[in-house]
Amino acid sequence: MSATIKQVELAEFVDRDTVRFVPNYPHPVSRVWATLTQPEQIRVWWVPFTTLEMCNGGRYAIETPSGNSFTGTLTEFDPPKVICSTV
């Protein structure tokens, strides 16, 4: 018996600092939003945040497994549709 695997495109890189997430996922909006905003879920598919303040003007900090650090501010936060930030 063979299983069919469906590939779903989750995001595209616009440039080296911008990721645009594809808006049509095969899951409810609430589940996708939680995956993008809850630190315990983000670490499963990306990297752990050392700081994550989910609000307009909220700060974030990421430390990658290779030791690189990134910090920024959420410039727009409109649940459950928009998260924009500076790096």
PDB file of N, CA and C in Angstrom:
ATOM      1  N   MET A   1       0.850  -1.169   0.000  1.00  0.00           N
ATOM      2  CA  MET A   1       0.000   0.000   0.000  1.00  0.00           C
ATOM      3  C   MET A   1       0.898   1.235   0.000  1.00  0.00           C
ATOM      4  N   SER A   2       0.635   2.164  -0.888  1.00  0.00           N
ATOM      5  CA  SER A   2       1.428   3.388  -0.912  1.00  0.00           C
ATOM      6  C   SER A   2       0.600   4.556  -0.406  1.00  0.00           C
ATOM      7  N   ALA A   3       1.262   5.455   0.279  1.00  0.00           N
ATOM      8  CA  ALA A   3       0.597   6.642   0.804  1.00  0.00           C
ATOM      9  C   ALA A   3       0.913   7.826  -0.101  1.00  0.00           C
ATOM     10  N   THR A   4      -0.064   8.669  -0.280  1.00  0.00           N
ATOM     11  CA  THR A   4       0.140   9.878  -1.058  1.00  0.00           C
ATOM     12  C   THR A   4       0.464  11.009  -0.094  1.00  0.00           C
ATOM     13  N   ILE A   5       1.546  11.702  -0.362  1.00  0.00           N
ATOM     14  CA  ILE A   5       1.951  12.817   0.483  1.00  0.00           C
ATOM     15  C   ILE A   5       1.682  14.098  -0.273  1.00  0.00           C
ATOM     16  N   LYS A   6       0.918  14.988   0.332  1.00  0.00           N
ATOM     17  CA  LYS A   6       0.609  16.269  -0.283  1.00  0.00           C
ATOM     18  C   LYS A   6       1.593  17.313   0.236  1.00  0.00           C
ATOM     19  N   GLN A   7       2.259  17.983  -0.659  1.00  0.00           N
ATOM     20  CA  GLN A   7       3.192  19.035  -0.269  1.00  0.00           C
ATOM     21  C   GLN A   7       2.428  20.350  -0.185  1.00  0.00           C
ATOM     22  N   VAL A   8       2.590  21.047   0.936  1.00  0.00           N
ATOM     23  CA  VAL A   8       1.928  22.328   1.149  1.00  0.00           C
ATOM     24  C   VAL A   8       2.989  23.399   1.292  1.00  0.00           C
ATOM     25  N   GLU A   9       2.910  24.421   0.471  1.00  0.00           N
ATOM     26  CA  GLU A   9       3.847  25.535   0.573  1.00  0.00           C
ATOM     27  C   GLU A   9       3.410  26.420   1.726  1.00  0.00           C
ATOM     28  N   LEU A  10       4.279  26.608   2.698  1.00  0.00           N
ATOM     29  CA  LEU A  10       3.927  27.378   3.883  1.00  0.00           C
ATOM     30  C   LEU A  10       4.317  28.841   3.793  1.00  0.00           C
ATOM     31  N   ALA A  11       5.428  29.123   3.113  1.00  0.00           N
ATOM     32  CA  ALA A  11       5.896  30.503   3.075  1.00  0.00           C
ATOM     33  C   ALA A  11       6.839  30.698   1.908  1.00  0.00           C
ATOM     34  N   GLU A  12       7.096  31.965   1.608  1.00  0.00           N
ATOM     35  CA  GLU A  12       8.084  32.300   0.595  1.00  0.00           C
ATOM     36  C   GLU A  12       8.955  33.432   1.127  1.00  0.00           C
ATOM     37  N   PHE A  13      10.219  33.417   0.771  1.00  0.00           N
ATOM     38  CA  PHE A  13      11.111  34.497   1.155  1.00  0.00           C
ATOM     39  C   PHE A  13      11.026  35.586   0.095  1.00  0.00           C
ATOM     40  N   VAL A  14      10.628  36.781   0.498  1.00  0.00           N
ATOM     41  CA  VAL A  14      10.525  37.917  -0.404  1.00  0.00           C
ATOM     42  C   VAL A  14      11.922  38.473  -0.660  1.00  0.00           C
ATOM     43  N   ASP A  15      12.680  38.601   0.408  1.00  0.00           N
ATOM     44  CA  ASP A  15      14.089  38.976   0.350  1.00  0.00           C
ATOM     45  C   ASP A  15      14.739  38.377   1.588  1.00  0.00           C
ATOM     46  N   ARG A  16      15.974  38.702   1.865  1.00  0.00           N
ATOM     47  CA  ARG A  16      16.660  38.026   2.975  1.00  0.00           C
ATOM     48  C   ARG A  16      16.097  38.376   4.344  1.00  0.00           C
ATOM     49  N   ASP A  17      15.304  39.443   4.434  1.00  0.00           N
ATOM     50  CA  ASP A  17      14.735  39.865   5.714  1.00  0.00           C
ATOM     51  C   ASP A  17      13.222  39.703   5.808  1.00  0.00           C
ATOM     52  N   THR A  18      12.578  39.230   4.747  1.00  0.00           N
ATOM     53  CA  THR A  18      11.115  39.199   4.722  1.00  0.00           C
ATOM     54  C   THR A  18      10.598  37.825   4.331  1.00  0.00           C
ATOM     55  N   VAL A  19       9.729  37.283   5.180  1.00  0.00           N
ATOM     56  CA  VAL A  19       9.051  36.017   4.891  1.00  0.00           C
ATOM     57  C   VAL A  19       7.566  36.325   4.747  1.00  0.00           C
ATOM     58  N   ARG A  20       6.964  35.874   3.670  1.00  0.00           N
ATOM     59  CA  ARG A  20       5.520  36.031   3.477  1.00  0.00           C
ATOM     60  C   ARG A  20       4.900  34.651   3.593  1.00  0.00           C
ATOM     61  N   PHE A  21       4.015  34.494   4.575  1.00  0.00           N
ATOM     62  CA  PHE A  21       3.348  33.225   4.767  1.00  0.00           C
ATOM     63  C   PHE A  21       2.160  33.121   3.820  1.00  0.00           C
ATOM     64  N   VAL A  22       2.005  31.973   3.213  1.00  0.00           N
ATOM     65  CA  VAL A  22       0.903  31.739   2.294  1.00  0.00           C
ATOM     66  C   VAL A  22      -0.392  31.718   3.108  1.00  0.00           C
ATOM     67  N   PRO A  23      -1.416  32.446   2.661  1.00  0.00           N
ATOM     68  CA  PRO A  23      -2.614  32.586   3.480  1.00  0.00           C
ATOM     69  C   PRO A  23      -3.574  31.402   3.484  1.00  0.00           C
ATOM     70  N   ASN A  24      -3.395  30.440   2.611  1.00  0.00           N
ATOM     71  CA  ASN A  24      -4.339  29.320   2.547  1.00  0.00           C
ATOM     72  C   ASN A  24      -3.704  28.035   3.060  1.00  0.00           C
ATOM     73  N   TYR A  25      -3.979  27.710   4.292  1.00  0.00           N
ATOM     74  CA  TYR A  25      -3.469  26.494   4.904  1.00  0.00           C
ATOM     75  C   TYR A  25      -4.613  25.496   5.059  1.00  0.00           C
ATOM     76  N   PRO A  26      -4.305  24.212   5.068  1.00  0.00           N
ATOM     77  CA  PRO A  26      -5.371  23.220   5.241  1.00  0.00           C
ATOM     78  C   PRO A  26      -5.730  23.014   6.715  1.00  0.00           C
ATOM     79  N   HIS A  27      -5.735  24.094   7.493  1.00  0.00           N
ATOM     80  CA  HIS A  27      -6.048  24.048   8.921  1.00  0.00           C
ATOM     81  C   HIS A  27      -6.869  25.282   9.285  1.00  0.00           C
ATOM     82  N   PRO A  28      -7.584  25.242  10.404  1.00  0.00           N
ATOM     83  CA  PRO A  28      -8.330  26.421  10.841  1.00  0.00           C
ATOM     84  C   PRO A  28      -7.377  27.586  11.160  1.00  0.00           C
ATOM     85  N   VAL A  29      -7.863  28.808  10.973  1.00  0.00           N
ATOM     86  CA  VAL A  29      -7.071  30.001  11.237  1.00  0.00           C
ATOM     87  C   VAL A  29      -6.508  29.985  12.660  1.00  0.00           C
ATOM     88  N   SER A  30      -7.303  29.551  13.625  1.00  0.00           N
ATOM     89  CA  SER A  30      -6.850  29.545  15.021  1.00  0.00           C
ATOM     90  C   SER A  30      -5.627  28.654  15.215  1.00  0.00           C
ATOM     91  N   ARG A  31      -5.591  27.532  14.520  1.00  0.00           N
ATOM     92  CA  ARG A  31      -4.444  26.619  14.642  1.00  0.00           C
ATOM     93  C   ARG A  31      -3.189  27.215  13.995  1.00  0.00           C
ATOM     94  N   VAL A  32      -3.353  27.809  12.820  1.00  0.00           N
ATOM     95  CA  VAL A  32      -2.222  28.435  12.138  1.00  0.00           C
ATOM     96  C   VAL A  32      -1.692  29.595  12.975  1.00  0.00           C
ATOM     97  N   TRP A  33      -2.586  30.429  13.502  1.00  0.00           N
ATOM     98  CA  TRP A  33      -2.172  31.568  14.323  1.00  0.00           C
ATOM     99  C   TRP A  33      -1.380  31.090  15.543  1.00  0.00           C
ATOM    100  N   ALA A  34      -1.859  30.058  16.198  1.00  0.00           N
ATOM    101  CA  ALA A  34      -1.143  29.515  17.367  1.00  0.00           C
ATOM    102  C   ALA A  34       0.241  29.024  16.975  1.00  0.00           C
ATOM    103  N   THR A  35       0.358  28.396  15.811  1.00  0.00           N
ATOM    104  CA  THR A  35       1.650  27.897  15.337  1.00  0.00           C
ATOM    105  C   THR A  35       2.630  29.035  15.085  1.00  0.00           C
ATOM    106  N   LEU A  36       2.123  30.198  14.699  1.00  0.00           N
ATOM    107  CA  LEU A  36       2.976  31.348  14.401  1.00  0.00           C
ATOM    108  C   LEU A  36       3.254  32.239  15.603  1.00  0.00           C
ATOM    109  N   THR A  37       2.478  32.086  16.686  1.00  0.00           N
ATOM    110  CA  THR A  37       2.596  33.035  17.794  1.00  0.00           C
ATOM    111  C   THR A  37       2.902  32.427  19.159  1.00  0.00           C
ATOM    112  N   GLN A  38       2.790  31.134  19.319  1.00  0.00           N
ATOM    113  CA  GLN A  38       3.053  30.516  20.616  1.00  0.00           C
ATOM    114  C   GLN A  38       4.467  29.941  20.628  1.00  0.00           C
ATOM    115  N   PRO A  39       5.321  30.454  21.531  1.00  0.00           N
ATOM    116  CA  PRO A  39       6.731  30.034  21.544  1.00  0.00           C
ATOM    117  C   PRO A  39       6.943  28.518  21.554  1.00  0.00           C
ATOM    118  N   GLU A  40       6.132  27.779  22.293  1.00  0.00           N
ATOM    119  CA  GLU A  40       6.320  26.328  22.354  1.00  0.00           C
ATOM    120  C   GLU A  40       6.009  25.660  21.017  1.00  0.00           C
ATOM    121  N   GLN A  41       5.187  26.297  20.183  1.00  0.00           N
ATOM    122  CA  GLN A  41       4.909  25.746  18.858  1.00  0.00           C
ATOM    123  C   GLN A  41       5.903  26.254  17.820  1.00  0.00           C
ATOM    124  N   ILE A  42       6.337  27.504  17.944  1.00  0.00           N
ATOM    125  CA  ILE A  42       7.312  28.064  16.995  1.00  0.00           C
ATOM    126  C   ILE A  42       8.603  27.256  17.017  1.00  0.00           C
ATOM    127  N   ARG A  43       9.031  26.867  18.204  1.00  0.00           N
ATOM    128  CA  ARG A  43      10.303  26.138  18.310  1.00  0.00           C
ATOM    129  C   ARG A  43      10.272  24.790  17.600  1.00  0.00           C
ATOM    130  N   VAL A  44       9.087  24.229  17.365  1.00  0.00           N
ATOM    131  CA  VAL A  44       8.959  22.950  16.667  1.00  0.00           C
ATOM    132  C   VAL A  44       9.309  23.098  15.188  1.00  0.00           C
ATOM    133  N   TRP A  45       8.901  24.200  14.565  1.00  0.00           N
ATOM    134  CA  TRP A  45       9.100  24.355  13.123  1.00  0.00           C
ATOM    135  C   TRP A  45      10.168  25.380  12.752  1.00  0.00           C
ATOM    136  N   TRP A  46      10.668  26.150  13.730  1.00  0.00           N
ATOM    137  CA  TRP A  46      11.669  27.162  13.403  1.00  0.00           C
ATOM    138  C   TRP A  46      12.755  27.172  14.450  1.00  0.00           C
ATOM    139  N   VAL A  47      12.853  28.210  15.268  1.00  0.00           N
ATOM    140  CA  VAL A  47      13.872  28.318  16.309  1.00  0.00           C
ATOM    141  C   VAL A  47      13.228  28.842  17.586  1.00  0.00           C
ATOM    142  N   PRO A  48      13.860  28.618  18.744  1.00  0.00           N
ATOM    143  CA  PRO A  48      13.302  29.151  19.980  1.00  0.00           C
ATOM    144  C   PRO A  48      13.497  30.665  20.080  1.00  0.00           C
ATOM    145  N   PHE A  49      12.499  31.330  20.587  1.00  0.00           N
ATOM    146  CA  PHE A  49      12.600  32.754  20.898  1.00  0.00           C
ATOM    147  C   PHE A  49      13.057  32.888  22.345  1.00  0.00           C
ATOM    148  N   THR A  50      13.985  33.784  22.607  1.00  0.00           N
ATOM    149  CA  THR A  50      14.374  34.046  23.994  1.00  0.00           C
ATOM    150  C   THR A  50      13.494  35.141  24.588  1.00  0.00           C
ATOM    151  N   THR A  51      12.921  35.979  23.720  1.00  0.00           N
ATOM    152  CA  THR A  51      11.940  36.999  24.105  1.00  0.00           C
ATOM    153  C   THR A  51      10.886  37.043  23.017  1.00  0.00           C
ATOM    154  N   LEU A  52       9.623  37.108  23.407  1.00  0.00           N
ATOM    155  CA  LEU A  52       8.552  37.237  22.429  1.00  0.00           C
ATOM    156  C   LEU A  52       7.359  37.910  23.101  1.00  0.00           C
ATOM    157  N   GLU A  53       7.147  39.176  22.748  1.00  0.00           N
ATOM    158  CA  GLU A  53       6.039  39.962  23.296  1.00  0.00           C
ATOM    159  C   GLU A  53       5.027  40.185  22.178  1.00  0.00           C
ATOM    160  N   MET A  54       3.933  39.452  22.195  1.00  0.00           N
ATOM    161  CA  MET A  54       2.953  39.497  21.116  1.00  0.00           C
ATOM    162  C   MET A  54       1.989  40.669  21.299  1.00  0.00           C
ATOM    163  N   CYS A  55       2.416  41.848  20.811  1.00  0.00           N
ATOM    164  CA  CYS A  55       1.603  43.052  20.828  1.00  0.00           C
ATOM    165  C   CYS A  55       2.260  44.086  19.925  1.00  0.00           C
ATOM    166  N   ASN A  56       1.522  45.126  19.538  1.00  0.00           N
ATOM    167  CA  ASN A  56       2.135  46.208  18.775  1.00  0.00           C
ATOM    168  C   ASN A  56       3.279  46.790  19.590  1.00  0.00           C
ATOM    169  N   GLY A  57       4.431  46.910  18.988  1.00  0.00           N
ATOM    170  CA  GLY A  57       5.597  47.417  19.700  1.00  0.00           C
ATOM    171  C   GLY A  57       6.311  46.366  20.531  1.00  0.00           C
ATOM    172  N   GLY A  58       5.823  45.126  20.509  1.00  0.00           N
ATOM    173  CA  GLY A  58       6.436  44.047  21.289  1.00  0.00           C
ATOM    174  C   GLY A  58       7.830  43.705  20.779  1.00  0.00           C
ATOM    175  N   ARG A  59       8.689  43.329  21.686  1.00  0.00           N
ATOM    176  CA  ARG A  59      10.062  42.969  21.340  1.00  0.00           C
ATOM    177  C   ARG A  59      10.170  41.463  21.139  1.00  0.00           C
ATOM    178  N   TYR A  60      11.159  41.068  20.332  1.00  0.00           N
ATOM    179  CA  TYR A  60      11.475  39.649  20.205  1.00  0.00           C
ATOM    180  C   TYR A  60      12.979  39.478  20.072  1.00  0.00           C
ATOM    181  N   ALA A  61      13.435  38.319  20.470  1.00  0.00           N
ATOM    182  CA  ALA A  61      14.843  37.948  20.331  1.00  0.00           C
ATOM    183  C   ALA A  61      14.906  36.472  19.998  1.00  0.00           C
ATOM    184  N   ILE A  62      15.772  36.143  19.056  1.00  0.00           N
ATOM    185  CA  ILE A  62      15.956  34.770  18.592  1.00  0.00           C
ATOM    186  C   ILE A  62      17.436  34.450  18.679  1.00  0.00           C
ATOM    187  N   GLU A  63      17.744  33.256  19.144  1.00  0.00           N
ATOM    188  CA  GLU A  63      19.113  32.772  19.074  1.00  0.00           C
ATOM    189  C   GLU A  63      19.083  31.454  18.321  1.00  0.00           C
ATOM    190  N   THR A  64      19.760  31.418  17.172  1.00  0.00           N
ATOM    191  CA  THR A  64      19.735  30.227  16.326  1.00  0.00           C
ATOM    192  C   THR A  64      20.677  29.154  16.866  1.00  0.00           C
ATOM    193  N   PRO A  65      20.488  27.911  16.446  1.00  0.00           N
ATOM    194  CA  PRO A  65      21.388  26.844  16.878  1.00  0.00           C
ATOM    195  C   PRO A  65      22.846  27.106  16.508  1.00  0.00           C
ATOM    196  N   SER A  66      23.077  27.880  15.455  1.00  0.00           N
ATOM    197  CA  SER A  66      24.457  28.185  15.046  1.00  0.00           C
ATOM    198  C   SER A  66      25.066  29.330  15.847  1.00  0.00           C
ATOM    199  N   GLY A  67      24.274  29.924  16.765  1.00  0.00           N
ATOM    200  CA  GLY A  67      24.800  30.976  17.622  1.00  0.00           C
ATOM    201  C   GLY A  67      24.519  32.396  17.165  1.00  0.00           C
ATOM    202  N   ASN A  68      23.827  32.558  16.030  1.00  0.00           N
ATOM    203  CA  ASN A  68      23.460  33.903  15.586  1.00  0.00           C
ATOM    204  C   ASN A  68      22.292  34.419  16.409  1.00  0.00           C
ATOM    205  N   SER A  69      22.290  35.708  16.691  1.00  0.00           N
ATOM    206  CA  SER A  69      21.205  36.333  17.447  1.00  0.00           C
ATOM    207  C   SER A  69      20.526  37.396  16.602  1.00  0.00           C
ATOM    208  N   PHE A  70      19.221  37.491  16.725  1.00  0.00           N
ATOM    209  CA  PHE A  70      18.432  38.495  16.026  1.00  0.00           C
ATOM    210  C   PHE A  70      17.453  39.101  17.012  1.00  0.00           C
ATOM    211  N   THR A  71      17.285  40.405  16.944  1.00  0.00           N
ATOM    212  CA  THR A  71      16.292  41.079  17.769  1.00  0.00           C
ATOM    213  C   THR A  71      15.483  42.005  16.886  1.00  0.00           C
ATOM    214  N   GLY A  72      14.294  42.332  17.322  1.00  0.00           N
ATOM    215  CA  GLY A  72      13.455  43.233  16.555  1.00  0.00           C
ATOM    216  C   GLY A  72      12.237  43.636  17.347  1.00  0.00           C
ATOM    217  N   THR A  73      11.370  44.361  16.666  1.00  0.00           N
ATOM    218  CA  THR A  73      10.141  44.863  17.268  1.00  0.00           C
ATOM    219  C   THR A  73       8.980  44.544  16.338  1.00  0.00           C
ATOM    220  N   LEU A  74       7.853  44.154  16.925  1.00  0.00           N
ATOM    221  CA  LEU A  74       6.655  43.926  16.126  1.00  0.00           C
ATOM    222  C   LEU A  74       6.062  45.291  15.788  1.00  0.00           C
ATOM    223  N   THR A  75       6.044  45.619  14.513  1.00  0.00           N
ATOM    224  CA  THR A  75       5.545  46.921  14.074  1.00  0.00           C
ATOM    225  C   THR A  75       4.048  46.906  13.806  1.00  0.00           C
ATOM    226  N   GLU A  76       3.505  45.717  13.598  1.00  0.00           N
ATOM    227  CA  GLU A  76       2.067  45.568  13.402  1.00  0.00           C
ATOM    228  C   GLU A  76       1.659  44.202  13.928  1.00  0.00           C
ATOM    229  N   PHE A  77       0.603  44.183  14.718  1.00  0.00           N
ATOM    230  CA  PHE A  77       0.124  42.937  15.310  1.00  0.00           C
ATOM    231  C   PHE A  77      -1.395  43.012  15.357  1.00  0.00           C
ATOM    232  N   ASP A  78      -2.056  42.252  14.494  1.00  0.00           N
ATOM    233  CA  ASP A  78      -3.508  42.271  14.393  1.00  0.00           C
ATOM    234  C   ASP A  78      -4.022  40.837  14.323  1.00  0.00           C
ATOM    235  N   PRO A  79      -4.174  40.181  15.495  1.00  0.00           N
ATOM    236  CA  PRO A  79      -4.627  38.791  15.516  1.00  0.00           C
ATOM    237  C   PRO A  79      -6.003  38.636  14.872  1.00  0.00           C
ATOM    238  N   PRO A  80      -6.239  37.558  14.193  1.00  0.00           N
ATOM    239  CA  PRO A  80      -5.316  36.496  13.823  1.00  0.00           C
ATOM    240  C   PRO A  80      -4.831  36.605  12.379  1.00  0.00           C
ATOM    241  N   LYS A  81      -4.486  37.811  11.931  1.00  0.00           N
ATOM    242  CA  LYS A  81      -4.144  37.962  10.519  1.00  0.00           C
ATOM    243  C   LYS A  81      -2.775  38.542  10.230  1.00  0.00           C
ATOM    244  N   VAL A  82      -2.285  39.445  11.056  1.00  0.00           N
ATOM    245  CA  VAL A  82      -1.076  40.195  10.682  1.00  0.00           C
ATOM    246  C   VAL A  82      -0.044  40.207  11.791  1.00  0.00           C
ATOM    247  N   ILE A  83       1.212  39.886  11.410  1.00  0.00           N
ATOM    248  CA  ILE A  83       2.383  40.069  12.266  1.00  0.00           C
ATOM    249  C   ILE A  83       3.455  40.672  11.366  1.00  0.00           C
ATOM    250  N   CYS A  84       3.900  41.880  11.679  1.00  0.00           N
ATOM    251  CA  CYS A  84       4.993  42.511  10.936  1.00  0.00           C
ATOM    252  C   CYS A  84       6.044  42.924  11.935  1.00  0.00           C
ATOM    253  N   SER A  85       7.302  42.889  11.504  1.00  0.00           N
ATOM    254  CA  SER A  85       8.363  43.248  12.436  1.00  0.00           C
ATOM    255  C   SER A  85       9.540  43.866  11.732  1.00  0.00           C
ATOM    256  N   THR A  86      10.390  44.484  12.551  1.00  0.00           N
ATOM    257  CA  THR A  86      11.695  44.961  12.097  1.00  0.00           C
ATOM    258  C   THR A  86      12.729  43.967  12.560  1.00  0.00           C
ATOM    259  N   VAL A  87      13.864  43.971  11.923  1.00  0.00           N
ATOM    260  CA  VAL A  87      14.973  43.106  12.330  1.00  0.00           C
ATOM    261  C   VAL A  87      16.110  43.993  12.758  1.00  0.00           C
TER     262      VAL A  87
END
